[in-house]
Amino acid sequence: MKHLALIACAAIVFLAGCNTVKGIGRDISGGGQAVSGAAKSVHPNM
């Protein structure tokens, strides 16, 4: 029974970690797109 509880806790931590990493990846991607968009809008004015 203890092994099952340990496996369940490990699975919850693992899944929560994956969700957090996925969210960080989205944030970084969104920031990169914002910088890219700003660079494209400035470039024609140069």
N, C-alpha and C. Protein backbone atom coordinates (compact mmCIF):
# COMPACT_ATOMS: atom_id res chain seq x y z
N MET A 1 0.82 -1.19 0.00
CA MET A 1 0.00 0.00 0.00
C MET A 1 0.87 1.26 0.00
N LYS A 2 1.98 1.21 0.74
CA LYS A 2 2.86 2.37 0.79
C LYS A 2 3.49 2.65 -0.58
N HIS A 3 3.78 1.58 -1.31
CA HIS A 3 4.37 1.76 -2.63
C HIS A 3 3.40 2.44 -3.58
N LEU A 4 2.13 2.08 -3.48
CA LEU A 4 1.11 2.67 -4.34
C LEU A 4 0.96 4.16 -4.04
N ALA A 5 0.97 4.51 -2.76
CA ALA A 5 0.87 5.91 -2.37
C ALA A 5 2.09 6.70 -2.85
N LEU A 6 3.25 6.11 -2.76
CA LEU A 6 4.48 6.76 -3.21
C LEU A 6 4.45 6.97 -4.72
N ILE A 7 4.00 5.98 -5.46
CA ILE A 7 3.90 6.10 -6.91
C ILE A 7 2.88 7.17 -7.29
N ALA A 8 1.77 7.21 -6.60
CA ALA A 8 0.74 8.22 -6.88
C ALA A 8 1.27 9.62 -6.61
N CYS A 9 1.99 9.81 -5.51
CA CYS A 9 2.57 11.13 -5.20
C CYS A 9 3.62 11.53 -6.23
N ALA A 10 4.43 10.59 -6.65
CA ALA A 10 5.45 10.87 -7.66
C ALA A 10 4.80 11.26 -8.98
N ALA A 11 3.72 10.58 -9.35
CA ALA A 11 3.01 10.90 -10.59
C ALA A 11 2.41 12.30 -10.54
N ILE A 12 1.86 12.68 -9.40
CA ILE A 12 1.27 14.02 -9.25
C ILE A 12 2.36 15.09 -9.38
N VAL A 13 3.48 14.88 -8.73
CA VAL A 13 4.59 15.85 -8.81
C VAL A 13 5.11 15.93 -10.24
N PHE A 14 5.27 14.80 -10.89
CA PHE A 14 5.77 14.77 -12.27
C PHE A 14 4.82 15.51 -13.21
N LEU A 15 3.53 15.25 -13.09
CA LEU A 15 2.56 15.90 -13.97
C LEU A 15 2.47 17.40 -13.70
N ALA A 16 2.58 17.80 -12.45
CA ALA A 16 2.56 19.22 -12.13
C ALA A 16 3.81 19.90 -12.68
N GLY A 17 4.94 19.23 -12.62
CA GLY A 17 6.19 19.78 -13.17
C GLY A 17 6.11 19.93 -14.67
N CYS A 18 5.53 18.97 -15.35
CA CYS A 18 5.38 19.07 -16.81
C CYS A 18 4.49 20.23 -17.18
N ASN A 19 3.43 20.42 -16.44
CA ASN A 19 2.52 21.51 -16.71
C ASN A 19 3.23 22.85 -16.52
N THR A 20 4.06 22.96 -15.50
CA THR A 20 4.80 24.20 -15.23
C THR A 20 5.80 24.47 -16.34
N VAL A 21 6.53 23.48 -16.77
CA VAL A 21 7.51 23.65 -17.85
C VAL A 21 6.80 24.05 -19.14
N LYS A 22 5.66 23.46 -19.39
CA LYS A 22 4.89 23.80 -20.58
C LYS A 22 4.46 25.26 -20.52
N GLY A 23 4.04 25.72 -19.37
CA GLY A 23 3.64 27.12 -19.21
C GLY A 23 4.81 28.08 -19.40
N ILE A 24 5.97 27.70 -18.89
CA ILE A 24 7.16 28.54 -19.07
C ILE A 24 7.52 28.61 -20.55
N GLY A 25 7.42 27.50 -21.24
CA GLY A 25 7.70 27.49 -22.68
C GLY A 25 6.76 28.39 -23.44
N ARG A 26 5.50 28.41 -23.06
CA ARG A 26 4.54 29.31 -23.71
C ARG A 26 4.88 30.77 -23.44
N ASP A 27 5.26 31.08 -22.21
CA ASP A 27 5.62 32.46 -21.86
C ASP A 27 6.83 32.93 -22.65
N ILE A 28 7.84 32.09 -22.74
CA ILE A 28 9.06 32.45 -23.48
C ILE A 28 8.73 32.62 -24.96
N SER A 29 7.91 31.73 -25.49
CA SER A 29 7.53 31.82 -26.90
C SER A 29 6.75 33.11 -27.16
N GLY A 30 5.84 33.45 -26.28
CA GLY A 30 5.07 34.68 -26.43
C GLY A 30 5.97 35.91 -26.37
N GLY A 31 6.95 35.90 -25.48
CA GLY A 31 7.90 37.02 -25.39
C GLY A 31 8.72 37.14 -26.66
N GLY A 32 9.14 36.01 -27.20
CA GLY A 32 9.92 36.02 -28.44
C GLY A 32 9.10 36.55 -29.60
N GLN A 33 7.85 36.19 -29.66
CA GLN A 33 6.98 36.69 -30.73
C GLN A 33 6.76 38.20 -30.59
N ALA A 34 6.65 38.70 -29.38
CA ALA A 34 6.48 40.13 -29.17
C ALA A 34 7.72 40.90 -29.62
N VAL A 35 8.90 40.39 -29.29
CA VAL A 35 10.14 41.03 -29.70
C VAL A 35 10.27 40.99 -31.23
N SER A 36 9.93 39.85 -31.81
CA SER A 36 10.00 39.72 -33.26
C SER A 36 9.05 40.69 -33.95
N GLY A 37 7.85 40.82 -33.44
CA GLY A 37 6.88 41.76 -34.00
C GLY A 37 7.34 43.20 -33.89
N ALA A 38 7.95 43.55 -32.76
CA ALA A 38 8.46 44.91 -32.58
C ALA A 38 9.61 45.18 -33.54
N ALA A 39 10.46 44.21 -33.73
CA ALA A 39 11.59 44.37 -34.65
C ALA A 39 11.11 44.55 -36.08
N LYS A 40 10.09 43.82 -36.47
CA LYS A 40 9.54 43.94 -37.82
C LYS A 40 8.89 45.29 -38.03
N SER A 41 8.26 45.84 -37.00
CA SER A 41 7.61 47.15 -37.16
C SER A 41 8.63 48.29 -37.19
N VAL A 42 9.79 48.10 -36.57
CA VAL A 42 10.82 49.14 -36.56
C VAL A 42 11.66 49.09 -37.84
N HIS A 43 11.89 47.90 -38.35
CA HIS A 43 12.77 47.72 -39.51
C HIS A 43 12.33 48.52 -40.74
N PRO A 44 11.06 48.57 -41.12
CA PRO A 44 10.69 49.35 -42.31
C PRO A 44 10.93 50.85 -42.14
N ASN A 45 10.99 51.34 -40.92
CA ASN A 45 11.21 52.76 -40.67
C ASN A 45 12.67 53.15 -40.73
N MET A 46 13.56 52.19 -40.90
CA MET A 46 14.99 52.48 -40.92
C MET A 46 15.46 52.78 -42.31
